[in-house]
């Protein structure tokens, strides 16, 4: 497993490390959306600062986007914070945003955890 998950009352923090592939991201997403607390949280922070490689394609992110789009019916308002300094992760996040465009989920990219945490709590 290339990720750790930490829950609090308002959201979830997912920290990735090592080489992240599509299955890792899908597994993390499934852990989050299948948790009994999912419908009551307001944010998700996905931290990619300590990864060695990000092997997610446009096709992979489209699958994850479709999964999340269907979940936006159950949790109407969600902030998704992506913590990264990788241009490629930022590019893939833009593709995810396009899929989620007609939902109330909002995604933003941050260079560090502290900035992401401030945003999700605002």
PDB file of N, CA and C in Angstrom:
ATOM      1  N   UNK A   1       0.854  -1.177   0.000  1.00  0.00           N
ATOM      2  CA  UNK A   1       0.000   0.000   0.000  1.00  0.00           C
ATOM      3  C   UNK A   1       0.897   1.235   0.000  1.00  0.00           C
ATOM      4  N   UNK A   2       0.633   2.174  -0.889  1.00  0.00           N
ATOM      5  CA  UNK A   2       1.461   3.364  -1.013  1.00  0.00           C
ATOM      6  C   UNK A   2       0.811   4.591  -0.387  1.00  0.00           C
ATOM      7  N   UNK A   3      -0.159   4.374   0.509  1.00  0.00           N
ATOM      8  CA  UNK A   3      -0.820   5.520   1.125  1.00  0.00           C
ATOM      9  C   UNK A   3      -1.256   5.202   2.549  1.00  0.00           C
ATOM     10  N   UNK A   4      -1.416   6.269   3.317  1.00  0.00           N
ATOM     11  CA  UNK A   4      -1.956   6.197   4.670  1.00  0.00           C
ATOM     12  C   UNK A   4      -3.133   7.159   4.723  1.00  0.00           C
ATOM     13  N   UNK A   5      -4.156   6.799   5.483  1.00  0.00           N
ATOM     14  CA  UNK A   5      -5.349   7.625   5.592  1.00  0.00           C
ATOM     15  C   UNK A   5      -5.566   8.012   7.046  1.00  0.00           C
ATOM     16  N   UNK A   6      -5.865   9.298   7.254  1.00  0.00           N
ATOM     17  CA  UNK A   6      -6.175   9.800   8.583  1.00  0.00           C
ATOM     18  C   UNK A   6      -7.491  10.576   8.500  1.00  0.00           C
ATOM     19  N   UNK A   7      -8.437  10.206   9.340  1.00  0.00           N
ATOM     20  CA  UNK A   7      -9.746  10.846   9.351  1.00  0.00           C
ATOM     21  C   UNK A   7      -9.837  11.831  10.503  1.00  0.00           C
ATOM     22  N   UNK A   8     -10.579  12.926  10.305  1.00  0.00           N
ATOM     23  CA  UNK A   8     -11.008  13.755  11.418  1.00  0.00           C
ATOM     24  C   UNK A   8     -12.480  14.070  11.198  1.00  0.00           C
ATOM     25  N   UNK A   9     -13.067  14.880  12.047  1.00  0.00           N
ATOM     26  CA  UNK A   9     -14.516  15.104  11.978  1.00  0.00           C
ATOM     27  C   UNK A   9     -14.978  15.738  10.674  1.00  0.00           C
ATOM     28  N   UNK A  10     -14.144  16.581  10.083  1.00  0.00           N
ATOM     29  CA  UNK A  10     -14.571  17.313   8.898  1.00  0.00           C
ATOM     30  C   UNK A  10     -14.030  16.774   7.597  1.00  0.00           C
ATOM     31  N   UNK A  11     -13.049  15.861   7.665  1.00  0.00           N
ATOM     32  CA  UNK A  11     -12.473  15.411   6.412  1.00  0.00           C
ATOM     33  C   UNK A  11     -11.484  14.287   6.564  1.00  0.00           C
ATOM     34  N   UNK A  12     -10.750  14.071   5.473  1.00  0.00           N
ATOM     35  CA  UNK A  12      -9.814  12.958   5.413  1.00  0.00           C
ATOM     36  C   UNK A  12      -8.513  13.442   4.769  1.00  0.00           C
ATOM     37  N   UNK A  13      -7.402  12.905   5.284  1.00  0.00           N
ATOM     38  CA  UNK A  13      -6.071  13.227   4.775  1.00  0.00           C
ATOM     39  C   UNK A  13      -5.457  11.933   4.264  1.00  0.00           C
ATOM     40  N   UNK A  14      -5.065  11.919   2.978  1.00  0.00           N
ATOM     41  CA  UNK A  14      -4.460  10.740   2.359  1.00  0.00           C
ATOM     42  C   UNK A  14      -3.045  11.111   1.928  1.00  0.00           C
ATOM     43  N   UNK A  15      -2.067  10.449   2.524  1.00  0.00           N
ATOM     44  CA  UNK A  15      -0.650  10.718   2.249  1.00  0.00           C
ATOM     45  C   UNK A  15      -0.094   9.574   1.409  1.00  0.00           C
ATOM     46  N   UNK A  16       0.420   9.918   0.226  1.00  0.00           N
ATOM     47  CA  UNK A  16       1.001   8.930  -0.680  1.00  0.00           C
ATOM     48  C   UNK A  16       2.519   8.958  -0.582  1.00  0.00           C
ATOM     49  N   UNK A  17       3.132   7.810  -0.871  1.00  0.00           N
ATOM     50  CA  UNK A  17       4.587   7.711  -0.915  1.00  0.00           C
ATOM     51  C   UNK A  17       4.974   6.640  -1.917  1.00  0.00           C
ATOM     52  N   UNK A  18       6.229   6.679  -2.352  1.00  0.00           N
ATOM     53  CA  UNK A  18       6.699   5.685  -3.317  1.00  0.00           C
ATOM     54  C   UNK A  18       6.187   5.964  -4.713  1.00  0.00           C
ATOM     55  N   UNK A  19       5.982   4.892  -5.457  1.00  0.00           N
ATOM     56  CA  UNK A  19       5.468   4.981  -6.828  1.00  0.00           C
ATOM     57  C   UNK A  19       3.955   4.807  -6.777  1.00  0.00           C
ATOM     58  N   UNK A  20       3.226   5.795  -7.252  1.00  0.00           N
ATOM     59  CA  UNK A  20       1.764   5.773  -7.218  1.00  0.00           C
ATOM     60  C   UNK A  20       1.257   5.410  -8.604  1.00  0.00           C
ATOM     61  N   UNK A  21       0.486   4.321  -8.656  1.00  0.00           N
ATOM     62  CA  UNK A  21      -0.125   3.924  -9.925  1.00  0.00           C
ATOM     63  C   UNK A  21      -1.643   4.047  -9.821  1.00  0.00           C
ATOM     64  N   UNK A  22      -2.320   3.744 -10.886  1.00  0.00           N
ATOM     65  CA  UNK A  22      -3.773   3.908 -10.937  1.00  0.00           C
ATOM     66  C   UNK A  22      -4.477   3.100  -9.856  1.00  0.00           C
ATOM     67  N   UNK A  23      -4.048   1.873  -9.648  1.00  0.00           N
ATOM     68  CA  UNK A  23      -4.717   1.045  -8.657  1.00  0.00           C
ATOM     69  C   UNK A  23      -4.578   1.617  -7.252  1.00  0.00           C
ATOM     70  N   UNK A  24      -3.424   2.205  -6.949  1.00  0.00           N
ATOM     71  CA  UNK A  24      -3.231   2.844  -5.638  1.00  0.00           C
ATOM     72  C   UNK A  24      -4.234   3.972  -5.437  1.00  0.00           C
ATOM     73  N   UNK A  25      -4.389   4.806  -6.453  1.00  0.00           N
ATOM     74  CA  UNK A  25      -5.309   5.931  -6.357  1.00  0.00           C
ATOM     75  C   UNK A  25      -6.760   5.453  -6.281  1.00  0.00           C
ATOM     76  N   UNK A  26      -7.091   4.438  -7.047  1.00  0.00           N
ATOM     77  CA  UNK A  26      -8.449   3.865  -6.995  1.00  0.00           C
ATOM     78  C   UNK A  26      -8.702   3.236  -5.631  1.00  0.00           C
ATOM     79  N   UNK A  27      -7.724   2.511  -5.093  1.00  0.00           N
ATOM     80  CA  UNK A  27      -7.878   1.903  -3.762  1.00  0.00           C
ATOM     81  C   UNK A  27      -8.099   2.970  -2.691  1.00  0.00           C
ATOM     82  N   UNK A  28      -7.285   4.027  -2.722  1.00  0.00           N
ATOM     83  CA  UNK A  28      -7.439   5.103  -1.738  1.00  0.00           C
ATOM     84  C   UNK A  28      -8.818   5.743  -1.874  1.00  0.00           C
ATOM     85  N   UNK A  29      -9.232   5.986  -3.097  1.00  0.00           N
ATOM     86  CA  UNK A  29     -10.543   6.572  -3.343  1.00  0.00           C
ATOM     87  C   UNK A  29     -11.655   5.662  -2.813  1.00  0.00           C
ATOM     88  N   UNK A  30     -11.528   4.370  -3.045  1.00  0.00           N
ATOM     89  CA  UNK A  30     -12.533   3.426  -2.548  1.00  0.00           C
ATOM     90  C   UNK A  30     -12.589   3.396  -1.023  1.00  0.00           C
ATOM     91  N   UNK A  31     -11.425   3.462  -0.369  1.00  0.00           N
ATOM     92  CA  UNK A  31     -11.401   3.522   1.099  1.00  0.00           C
ATOM     93  C   UNK A  31     -12.168   4.735   1.595  1.00  0.00           C
ATOM     94  N   UNK A  32     -11.979   5.861   0.935  1.00  0.00           N
ATOM     95  CA  UNK A  32     -12.626   7.100   1.360  1.00  0.00           C
ATOM     96  C   UNK A  32     -14.128   7.037   1.119  1.00  0.00           C
ATOM     97  N   UNK A  33     -14.549   6.711  -0.100  1.00  0.00           N
ATOM     98  CA  UNK A  33     -15.978   6.776  -0.416  1.00  0.00           C
ATOM     99  C   UNK A  33     -16.791   5.648   0.209  1.00  0.00           C
ATOM    100  N   UNK A  34     -16.135   4.563   0.606  1.00  0.00           N
ATOM    101  CA  UNK A  34     -16.879   3.464   1.227  1.00  0.00           C
ATOM    102  C   UNK A  34     -16.940   3.588   2.751  1.00  0.00           C
ATOM    103  N   UNK A  35     -16.261   4.564   3.326  1.00  0.00           N
ATOM    104  CA  UNK A  35     -16.271   4.765   4.770  1.00  0.00           C
ATOM    105  C   UNK A  35     -17.614   5.343   5.201  1.00  0.00           C
ATOM    106  N   UNK A  36     -18.099   4.889   6.348  1.00  0.00           N
ATOM    107  CA  UNK A  36     -19.392   5.352   6.855  1.00  0.00           C
ATOM    108  C   UNK A  36     -19.417   6.857   7.097  1.00  0.00           C
ATOM    109  N   UNK A  37     -18.269   7.472   7.318  1.00  0.00           N
ATOM    110  CA  UNK A  37     -18.209   8.912   7.570  1.00  0.00           C
ATOM    111  C   UNK A  37     -18.201   9.758   6.299  1.00  0.00           C
ATOM    112  N   UNK A  38     -18.116   9.120   5.148  1.00  0.00           N
ATOM    113  CA  UNK A  38     -17.947   9.863   3.897  1.00  0.00           C
ATOM    114  C   UNK A  38     -19.019  10.933   3.677  1.00  0.00           C
ATOM    115  N   UNK A  39     -20.263  10.609   3.926  1.00  0.00           N
ATOM    116  CA  UNK A  39     -21.349  11.541   3.630  1.00  0.00           C
ATOM    117  C   UNK A  39     -21.334  12.776   4.524  1.00  0.00           C
ATOM    118  N   UNK A  40     -20.593  12.730   5.639  1.00  0.00           N
ATOM    119  CA  UNK A  40     -20.583  13.870   6.562  1.00  0.00           C
ATOM    120  C   UNK A  40     -19.309  14.712   6.485  1.00  0.00           C
ATOM    121  N   UNK A  41     -18.340  14.314   5.668  1.00  0.00           N
ATOM    122  CA  UNK A  41     -17.107  15.095   5.599  1.00  0.00           C
ATOM    123  C   UNK A  41     -17.231  16.221   4.570  1.00  0.00           C
ATOM    124  N   UNK A  42     -16.360  17.229   4.721  1.00  0.00           N
ATOM    125  CA  UNK A  42     -16.409  18.395   3.852  1.00  0.00           C
ATOM    126  C   UNK A  42     -15.157  18.552   2.993  1.00  0.00           C
ATOM    127  N   UNK A  43     -14.112  17.770   3.300  1.00  0.00           N
ATOM    128  CA  UNK A  43     -12.894  17.916   2.511  1.00  0.00           C
ATOM    129  C   UNK A  43     -12.116  16.614   2.433  1.00  0.00           C
ATOM    130  N   UNK A  44     -11.264  16.568   1.403  1.00  0.00           N
ATOM    131  CA  UNK A  44     -10.285  15.501   1.229  1.00  0.00           C
ATOM    132  C   UNK A  44      -8.961  16.172   0.856  1.00  0.00           C
ATOM    133  N   UNK A  45      -7.896  15.782   1.533  1.00  0.00           N
ATOM    134  CA  UNK A  45      -6.562  16.271   1.186  1.00  0.00           C
ATOM    135  C   UNK A  45      -5.758  15.079   0.683  1.00  0.00           C
ATOM    136  N   UNK A  46      -5.277  15.176  -0.545  1.00  0.00           N
ATOM    137  CA  UNK A  46      -4.429  14.141  -1.139  1.00  0.00           C
ATOM    138  C   UNK A  46      -3.022  14.714  -1.263  1.00  0.00           C
ATOM    139  N   UNK A  47      -2.092  14.148  -0.501  1.00  0.00           N
ATOM    140  CA  UNK A  47      -0.727  14.664  -0.404  1.00  0.00           C
ATOM    141  C   UNK A  47       0.218  13.784  -1.225  1.00  0.00           C
ATOM    142  N   UNK A  48       0.796  14.386  -2.273  1.00  0.00           N
ATOM    143  CA  UNK A  48       1.716  13.679  -3.163  1.00  0.00           C
ATOM    144  C   UNK A  48       3.154  14.207  -3.059  1.00  0.00           C
ATOM    145  N   UNK A  49       3.487  14.887  -1.975  1.00  0.00           N
ATOM    146  CA  UNK A  49       4.818  15.481  -1.848  1.00  0.00           C
ATOM    147  C   UNK A  49       5.941  14.450  -1.767  1.00  0.00           C
ATOM    148  N   UNK A  50       5.684  13.303  -1.144  1.00  0.00           N
ATOM    149  CA  UNK A  50       6.741  12.311  -0.911  1.00  0.00           C
ATOM    150  C   UNK A  50       6.724  11.132  -1.881  1.00  0.00           C
ATOM    151  N   UNK A  51       6.145  11.330  -3.067  1.00  0.00           N
ATOM    152  CA  UNK A  51       6.107  10.225  -4.019  1.00  0.00           C
ATOM    153  C   UNK A  51       7.382  10.209  -4.854  1.00  0.00           C
ATOM    154  N   UNK A  52       7.720   9.024  -5.350  1.00  0.00           N
ATOM    155  CA  UNK A  52       8.863   8.871  -6.245  1.00  0.00           C
ATOM    156  C   UNK A  52       8.460   8.982  -7.705  1.00  0.00           C
ATOM    157  N   UNK A  53       7.229   8.571  -8.006  1.00  0.00           N
ATOM    158  CA  UNK A  53       6.730   8.643  -9.378  1.00  0.00           C
ATOM    159  C   UNK A  53       5.211   8.599  -9.338  1.00  0.00           C
ATOM    160  N   UNK A  54       4.574   9.183 -10.344  1.00  0.00           N
ATOM    161  CA  UNK A  54       3.116   9.263 -10.455  1.00  0.00           C
ATOM    162  C   UNK A  54       2.733   8.689 -11.800  1.00  0.00           C
ATOM    163  N   UNK A  55       2.305   7.430 -11.808  1.00  0.00           N
ATOM    164  CA  UNK A  55       2.028   6.711 -13.047  1.00  0.00           C
ATOM    165  C   UNK A  55       0.520   6.654 -13.308  1.00  0.00           C
ATOM    166  N   UNK A  56      -0.096   7.831 -13.352  1.00  0.00           N
ATOM    167  CA  UNK A  56      -1.527   7.951 -13.596  1.00  0.00           C
ATOM    168  C   UNK A  56      -1.706   8.579 -14.978  1.00  0.00           C
ATOM    169  N   UNK A  57      -2.491   7.933 -15.810  1.00  0.00           N
ATOM    170  CA  UNK A  57      -2.745   8.448 -17.157  1.00  0.00           C
ATOM    171  C   UNK A  57      -4.060   9.228 -17.195  1.00  0.00           C
ATOM    172  N   UNK A  58      -4.311   9.859 -18.312  1.00  0.00           N
ATOM    173  CA  UNK A  58      -5.589  10.550 -18.514  1.00  0.00           C
ATOM    174  C   UNK A  58      -6.751   9.570 -18.396  1.00  0.00           C
ATOM    175  N   UNK A  59      -6.573   8.388 -18.940  1.00  0.00           N
ATOM    176  CA  UNK A  59      -7.621   7.366 -18.837  1.00  0.00           C
ATOM    177  C   UNK A  59      -7.879   7.004 -17.374  1.00  0.00           C
ATOM    178  N   UNK A  60      -6.808   6.820 -16.598  1.00  0.00           N
ATOM    179  CA  UNK A  60      -6.949   6.470 -15.176  1.00  0.00           C
ATOM    180  C   UNK A  60      -7.721   7.551 -14.424  1.00  0.00           C
ATOM    181  N   UNK A  61      -7.364   8.805 -14.659  1.00  0.00           N
ATOM    182  CA  UNK A  61      -8.024   9.882 -13.925  1.00  0.00           C
ATOM    183  C   UNK A  61      -9.471  10.027 -14.357  1.00  0.00           C
ATOM    184  N   UNK A  62      -9.791   9.634 -15.595  1.00  0.00           N
ATOM    185  CA  UNK A  62     -11.193   9.680 -16.024  1.00  0.00           C
ATOM    186  C   UNK A  62     -12.024   8.663 -15.247  1.00  0.00           C
ATOM    187  N   UNK A  63     -11.450   7.509 -14.959  1.00  0.00           N
ATOM    188  CA  UNK A  63     -12.155   6.492 -14.150  1.00  0.00           C
ATOM    189  C   UNK A  63     -12.412   7.040 -12.749  1.00  0.00           C
ATOM    190  N   UNK A  64     -11.395   7.631 -12.146  1.00  0.00           N
ATOM    191  CA  UNK A  64     -11.527   8.176 -10.792  1.00  0.00           C
ATOM    192  C   UNK A  64     -12.526   9.334 -10.790  1.00  0.00           C
ATOM    193  N   UNK A  65     -12.477  10.158 -11.817  1.00  0.00           N
ATOM    194  CA  UNK A  65     -13.431  11.256 -11.921  1.00  0.00           C
ATOM    195  C   UNK A  65     -14.872  10.774 -12.011  1.00  0.00           C
ATOM    196  N   UNK A  66     -15.098   9.732 -12.789  1.00  0.00           N
ATOM    197  CA  UNK A  66     -16.454   9.171 -12.899  1.00  0.00           C
ATOM    198  C   UNK A  66     -16.904   8.603 -11.551  1.00  0.00           C
ATOM    199  N   UNK A  67     -15.987   7.935 -10.846  1.00  0.00           N
ATOM    200  CA  UNK A  67     -16.320   7.424  -9.506  1.00  0.00           C
ATOM    201  C   UNK A  67     -16.735   8.571  -8.588  1.00  0.00           C
ATOM    202  N   UNK A  68     -15.944   9.635  -8.575  1.00  0.00           N
ATOM    203  CA  UNK A  68     -16.233  10.759  -7.695  1.00  0.00           C
ATOM    204  C   UNK A  68     -17.485  11.499  -8.114  1.00  0.00           C
ATOM    205  N   UNK A  69     -17.679  11.645  -9.403  1.00  0.00           N
ATOM    206  CA  UNK A  69     -18.879  12.337  -9.895  1.00  0.00           C
ATOM    207  C   UNK A  69     -20.139  11.621  -9.390  1.00  0.00           C
ATOM    208  N   UNK A  70     -20.126  10.288  -9.397  1.00  0.00           N
ATOM    209  CA  UNK A  70     -21.289   9.543  -8.887  1.00  0.00           C
ATOM    210  C   UNK A  70     -21.449   9.737  -7.378  1.00  0.00           C
ATOM    211  N   UNK A  71     -20.335   9.908  -6.659  1.00  0.00           N
ATOM    212  CA  UNK A  71     -20.404  10.109  -5.212  1.00  0.00           C
ATOM    213  C   UNK A  71     -20.845  11.518  -4.835  1.00  0.00           C
ATOM    214  N   UNK A  72     -20.735  12.444  -5.767  1.00  0.00           N
ATOM    215  CA  UNK A  72     -21.151  13.812  -5.474  1.00  0.00           C
ATOM    216  C   UNK A  72     -22.667  13.913  -5.277  1.00  0.00           C
ATOM    217  N   UNK A  73     -23.406  12.879  -5.650  1.00  0.00           N
ATOM    218  CA  UNK A  73     -24.842  12.831  -5.361  1.00  0.00           C
ATOM    219  C   UNK A  73     -25.091  12.559  -3.879  1.00  0.00           C
ATOM    220  N   UNK A  74     -24.148  11.888  -3.211  1.00  0.00           N
ATOM    221  CA  UNK A  74     -24.308  11.523  -1.798  1.00  0.00           C
ATOM    222  C   UNK A  74     -23.689  12.557  -0.867  1.00  0.00           C
ATOM    223  N   UNK A  75     -22.622  13.163  -1.309  1.00  0.00           N
ATOM    224  CA  UNK A  75     -21.979  14.229  -0.547  1.00  0.00           C
ATOM    225  C   UNK A  75     -21.879  15.418  -1.499  1.00  0.00           C
ATOM    226  N   UNK A  76     -22.819  16.325  -1.356  1.00  0.00           N
ATOM    227  CA  UNK A  76     -23.015  17.384  -2.361  1.00  0.00           C
ATOM    228  C   UNK A  76     -21.871  18.391  -2.433  1.00  0.00           C
ATOM    229  N   UNK A  77     -21.270  18.745  -1.306  1.00  0.00           N
ATOM    230  CA  UNK A  77     -20.243  19.783  -1.284  1.00  0.00           C
ATOM    231  C   UNK A  77     -18.945  19.224  -0.717  1.00  0.00           C
ATOM    232  N   UNK A  78     -17.907  19.298  -1.523  1.00  0.00           N
ATOM    233  CA  UNK A  78     -16.625  18.729  -1.109  1.00  0.00           C
ATOM    234  C   UNK A  78     -15.504  19.600  -1.641  1.00  0.00           C
ATOM    235  N   UNK A  79     -14.499  19.822  -0.791  1.00  0.00           N
ATOM    236  CA  UNK A  79     -13.269  20.471  -1.216  1.00  0.00           C
ATOM    237  C   UNK A  79     -12.211  19.379  -1.333  1.00  0.00           C
ATOM    238  N   UNK A  80     -11.551  19.353  -2.484  1.00  0.00           N
ATOM    239  CA  UNK A  80     -10.469  18.405  -2.723  1.00  0.00           C
ATOM    240  C   UNK A  80      -9.182  19.217  -2.834  1.00  0.00           C
ATOM    241  N   UNK A  81      -8.279  19.010  -1.891  1.00  0.00           N
ATOM    242  CA  UNK A  81      -6.984  19.701  -1.920  1.00  0.00           C
ATOM    243  C   UNK A  81      -5.922  18.708  -2.381  1.00  0.00           C
ATOM    244  N   UNK A  82      -5.199  19.081  -3.417  1.00  0.00           N
ATOM    245  CA  UNK A  82      -4.093  18.269  -3.928  1.00  0.00           C
ATOM    246  C   UNK A  82      -2.798  18.968  -3.507  1.00  0.00           C
ATOM    247  N   UNK A  83      -1.972  18.247  -2.760  1.00  0.00           N
ATOM    248  CA  UNK A  83      -0.702  18.807  -2.295  1.00  0.00           C
ATOM    249  C   UNK A  83       0.406  18.200  -3.147  1.00  0.00           C
ATOM    250  N   UNK A  84       1.036  19.065  -3.950  1.00  0.00           N
ATOM    251  CA  UNK A  84       2.074  18.585  -4.859  1.00  0.00           C
ATOM    252  C   UNK A  84       2.918  19.752  -5.345  1.00  0.00           C
ATOM    253  N   UNK A  85       4.098  19.427  -5.801  1.00  0.00           N
ATOM    254  CA  UNK A  85       4.933  20.390  -6.506  1.00  0.00           C
ATOM    255  C   UNK A  85       5.257  19.868  -7.906  1.00  0.00           C
ATOM    256  N   UNK A  86       4.631  18.749  -8.274  1.00  0.00           N
ATOM    257  CA  UNK A  86       4.856  18.111  -9.562  1.00  0.00           C
ATOM    258  C   UNK A  86       3.959  18.721 -10.637  1.00  0.00           C
ATOM    259  N   UNK A  87       4.569  19.157 -11.725  1.00  0.00           N
ATOM    260  CA  UNK A  87       3.789  19.692 -12.840  1.00  0.00           C
ATOM    261  C   UNK A  87       2.866  18.636 -13.436  1.00  0.00           C
ATOM    262  N   UNK A  88       3.303  17.380 -13.472  1.00  0.00           N
ATOM    263  CA  UNK A  88       2.464  16.324 -14.045  1.00  0.00           C
ATOM    264  C   UNK A  88       1.232  16.061 -13.179  1.00  0.00           C
ATOM    265  N   UNK A  89       1.407  16.030 -11.860  1.00  0.00           N
ATOM    266  CA  UNK A  89       0.245  15.839 -10.978  1.00  0.00           C
ATOM    267  C   UNK A  89      -0.719  17.008 -11.151  1.00  0.00           C
ATOM    268  N   UNK A  90      -0.197  18.214 -11.277  1.00  0.00           N
ATOM    269  CA  UNK A  90      -1.053  19.384 -11.502  1.00  0.00           C
ATOM    270  C   UNK A  90      -1.830  19.242 -12.814  1.00  0.00           C
ATOM    271  N   UNK A  91      -1.161  18.756 -13.852  1.00  0.00           N
ATOM    272  CA  UNK A  91      -1.806  18.559 -15.157  1.00  0.00           C
ATOM    273  C   UNK A  91      -2.953  17.546 -15.056  1.00  0.00           C
ATOM    274  N   UNK A  92      -2.709  16.441 -14.392  1.00  0.00           N
ATOM    275  CA  UNK A  92      -3.755  15.416 -14.216  1.00  0.00           C
ATOM    276  C   UNK A  92      -4.908  15.970 -13.386  1.00  0.00           C
ATOM    277  N   UNK A  93      -4.595  16.810 -12.403  1.00  0.00           N
ATOM    278  CA  UNK A  93      -5.639  17.424 -11.581  1.00  0.00           C
ATOM    279  C   UNK A  93      -6.545  18.302 -12.433  1.00  0.00           C
ATOM    280  N   UNK A  94      -6.001  18.980 -13.407  1.00  0.00           N
ATOM    281  CA  UNK A  94      -6.797  19.801 -14.327  1.00  0.00           C
ATOM    282  C   UNK A  94      -7.783  18.925 -15.101  1.00  0.00           C
ATOM    283  N   UNK A  95      -7.334  17.753 -15.517  1.00  0.00           N
ATOM    284  CA  UNK A  95      -8.228  16.824 -16.218  1.00  0.00           C
ATOM    285  C   UNK A  95      -9.346  16.339 -15.295  1.00  0.00           C
ATOM    286  N   UNK A  96      -9.019  16.081 -14.034  1.00  0.00           N
ATOM    287  CA  UNK A  96     -10.020  15.680 -13.040  1.00  0.00           C
ATOM    288  C   UNK A  96     -11.058  16.805 -12.881  1.00  0.00           C
ATOM    289  N   UNK A  97     -10.591  18.046 -12.802  1.00  0.00           N
ATOM    290  CA  UNK A  97     -11.490  19.198 -12.667  1.00  0.00           C
ATOM    291  C   UNK A  97     -12.505  19.258 -13.801  1.00  0.00           C
ATOM    292  N   UNK A  98     -12.057  18.957 -15.000  1.00  0.00           N
ATOM    293  CA  UNK A  98     -12.956  18.994 -16.162  1.00  0.00           C
ATOM    294  C   UNK A  98     -14.082  17.971 -16.015  1.00  0.00           C
ATOM    295  N   UNK A  99     -13.760  16.816 -15.472  1.00  0.00           N
ATOM    296  CA  UNK A  99     -14.777  15.779 -15.265  1.00  0.00           C
ATOM    297  C   UNK A  99     -15.771  16.207 -14.182  1.00  0.00           C
ATOM    298  N   UNK A 100     -15.262  16.868 -13.140  1.00  0.00           N
ATOM    299  CA  UNK A 100     -16.091  17.247 -11.998  1.00  0.00           C
ATOM    300  C   UNK A 100     -16.775  18.605 -12.174  1.00  0.00           C
ATOM    301  N   UNK A 101     -16.641  19.218 -13.340  1.00  0.00           N
ATOM    302  CA  UNK A 101     -17.078  20.598 -13.557  1.00  0.00           C
ATOM    303  C   UNK A 101     -18.534  20.862 -13.185  1.00  0.00           C
ATOM    304  N   UNK A 102     -19.424  19.954 -13.427  1.00  0.00           N
ATOM    305  CA  UNK A 102     -20.838  20.219 -13.165  1.00  0.00           C
ATOM    306  C   UNK A 102     -21.296  19.694 -11.808  1.00  0.00           C
ATOM    307  N   UNK A 103     -20.344  19.453 -10.916  1.00  0.00           N
ATOM    308  CA  UNK A 103     -20.688  19.060  -9.548  1.00  0.00           C
ATOM    309  C   UNK A 103     -20.354  20.220  -8.615  1.00  0.00           C
ATOM    310  N   UNK A 104     -20.679  20.080  -7.349  1.00  0.00           N
ATOM    311  CA  UNK A 104     -20.335  21.097  -6.356  1.00  0.00           C
ATOM    312  C   UNK A 104     -19.001  20.791  -5.677  1.00  0.00           C
ATOM    313  N   UNK A 105     -18.241  19.871  -6.204  1.00  0.00           N
ATOM    314  CA  UNK A 105     -16.924  19.570  -5.660  1.00  0.00           C
ATOM    315  C   UNK A 105     -15.918  20.542  -6.270  1.00  0.00           C
ATOM    316  N   UNK A 106     -15.072  21.099  -5.428  1.00  0.00           N
ATOM    317  CA  UNK A 106     -14.082  22.079  -5.846  1.00  0.00           C
ATOM    318  C   UNK A 106     -12.696  21.532  -5.551  1.00  0.00           C
ATOM    319  N   UNK A 107     -11.806  21.633  -6.532  1.00  0.00           N
ATOM    320  CA  UNK A 107     -10.436  21.143  -6.385  1.00  0.00           C
ATOM    321  C   UNK A 107      -9.467  22.317  -6.457  1.00  0.00           C
ATOM    322  N   UNK A 108      -8.435  22.243  -5.614  1.00  0.00           N
ATOM    323  CA  UNK A 108      -7.401  23.253  -5.645  1.00  0.00           C
ATOM    324  C   UNK A 108      -6.063  22.572  -5.380  1.00  0.00           C
ATOM    325  N   UNK A 109      -4.994  23.112  -5.938  1.00  0.00           N
ATOM    326  CA  UNK A 109      -3.645  22.538  -5.778  1.00  0.00           C
ATOM    327  C   UNK A 109      -2.822  23.451  -4.884  1.00  0.00           C
ATOM    328  N   UNK A 110      -2.057  22.831  -3.974  1.00  0.00           N
ATOM    329  CA  UNK A 110      -1.241  23.572  -3.017  1.00  0.00           C
ATOM    330  C   UNK A 110       0.174  23.002  -2.970  1.00  0.00           C
ATOM    331  N   UNK A 111       1.153  23.862  -2.686  1.00  0.00           N
ATOM    332  CA  UNK A 111       2.540  23.397  -2.630  1.00  0.00           C
ATOM    333  C   UNK A 111       2.915  22.747  -1.297  1.00  0.00           C
ATOM    334  N   UNK A 112       2.041  22.903  -0.273  1.00  0.00           N
ATOM    335  CA  UNK A 112       2.346  22.338   1.049  1.00  0.00           C
ATOM    336  C   UNK A 112       1.049  22.025   1.802  1.00  0.00           C
ATOM    337  N   UNK A 113       1.175  21.177   2.808  1.00  0.00           N
ATOM    338  CA  UNK A 113       0.028  20.722   3.590  1.00  0.00           C
ATOM    339  C   UNK A 113      -0.644  21.883   4.324  1.00  0.00           C
ATOM    340  N   UNK A 114       0.140  22.782   4.907  1.00  0.00           N
ATOM    341  CA  UNK A 114      -0.423  23.875   5.708  1.00  0.00           C
ATOM    342  C   UNK A 114      -1.363  24.755   4.893  1.00  0.00           C
ATOM    343  N   UNK A 115      -0.980  25.072   3.666  1.00  0.00           N
ATOM    344  CA  UNK A 115      -1.845  25.870   2.792  1.00  0.00           C
ATOM    345  C   UNK A 115      -3.126  25.127   2.451  1.00  0.00           C
ATOM    346  N   UNK A 116      -3.005  23.845   2.183  1.00  0.00           N
ATOM    347  CA  UNK A 116      -4.183  23.027   1.872  1.00  0.00           C
ATOM    348  C   UNK A 116      -5.125  22.969   3.069  1.00  0.00           C
ATOM    349  N   UNK A 117      -4.581  22.783   4.240  1.00  0.00           N
ATOM    350  CA  UNK A 117      -5.408  22.687   5.459  1.00  0.00           C
ATOM    351  C   UNK A 117      -6.139  24.000   5.720  1.00  0.00           C
ATOM    352  N   UNK A 118      -5.461  25.124   5.534  1.00  0.00           N
ATOM    353  CA  UNK A 118      -6.133  26.426   5.714  1.00  0.00           C
ATOM    354  C   UNK A 118      -7.308  26.562   4.743  1.00  0.00           C
ATOM    355  N   UNK A 119      -7.088  26.169   3.471  1.00  0.00           N
ATOM    356  CA  UNK A 119      -8.137  26.302   2.465  1.00  0.00           C
ATOM    357  C   UNK A 119      -9.345  25.414   2.777  1.00  0.00           C
ATOM    358  N   UNK A 120      -9.110  24.166   3.122  1.00  0.00           N
ATOM    359  CA  UNK A 120     -10.254  23.275   3.369  1.00  0.00           C
ATOM    360  C   UNK A 120     -11.043  23.687   4.605  1.00  0.00           C
ATOM    361  N   UNK A 121     -10.397  24.382   5.531  1.00  0.00           N
ATOM    362  CA  UNK A 121     -11.081  24.844   6.743  1.00  0.00           C
ATOM    363  C   UNK A 121     -11.692  26.230   6.603  1.00  0.00           C
ATOM    364  N   UNK A 122     -11.507  26.863   5.443  1.00  0.00           N
ATOM    365  CA  UNK A 122     -12.064  28.224   5.259  1.00  0.00           C
ATOM    366  C   UNK A 122     -13.514  28.175   4.815  1.00  0.00           C
TER     367      UNK A 122
END
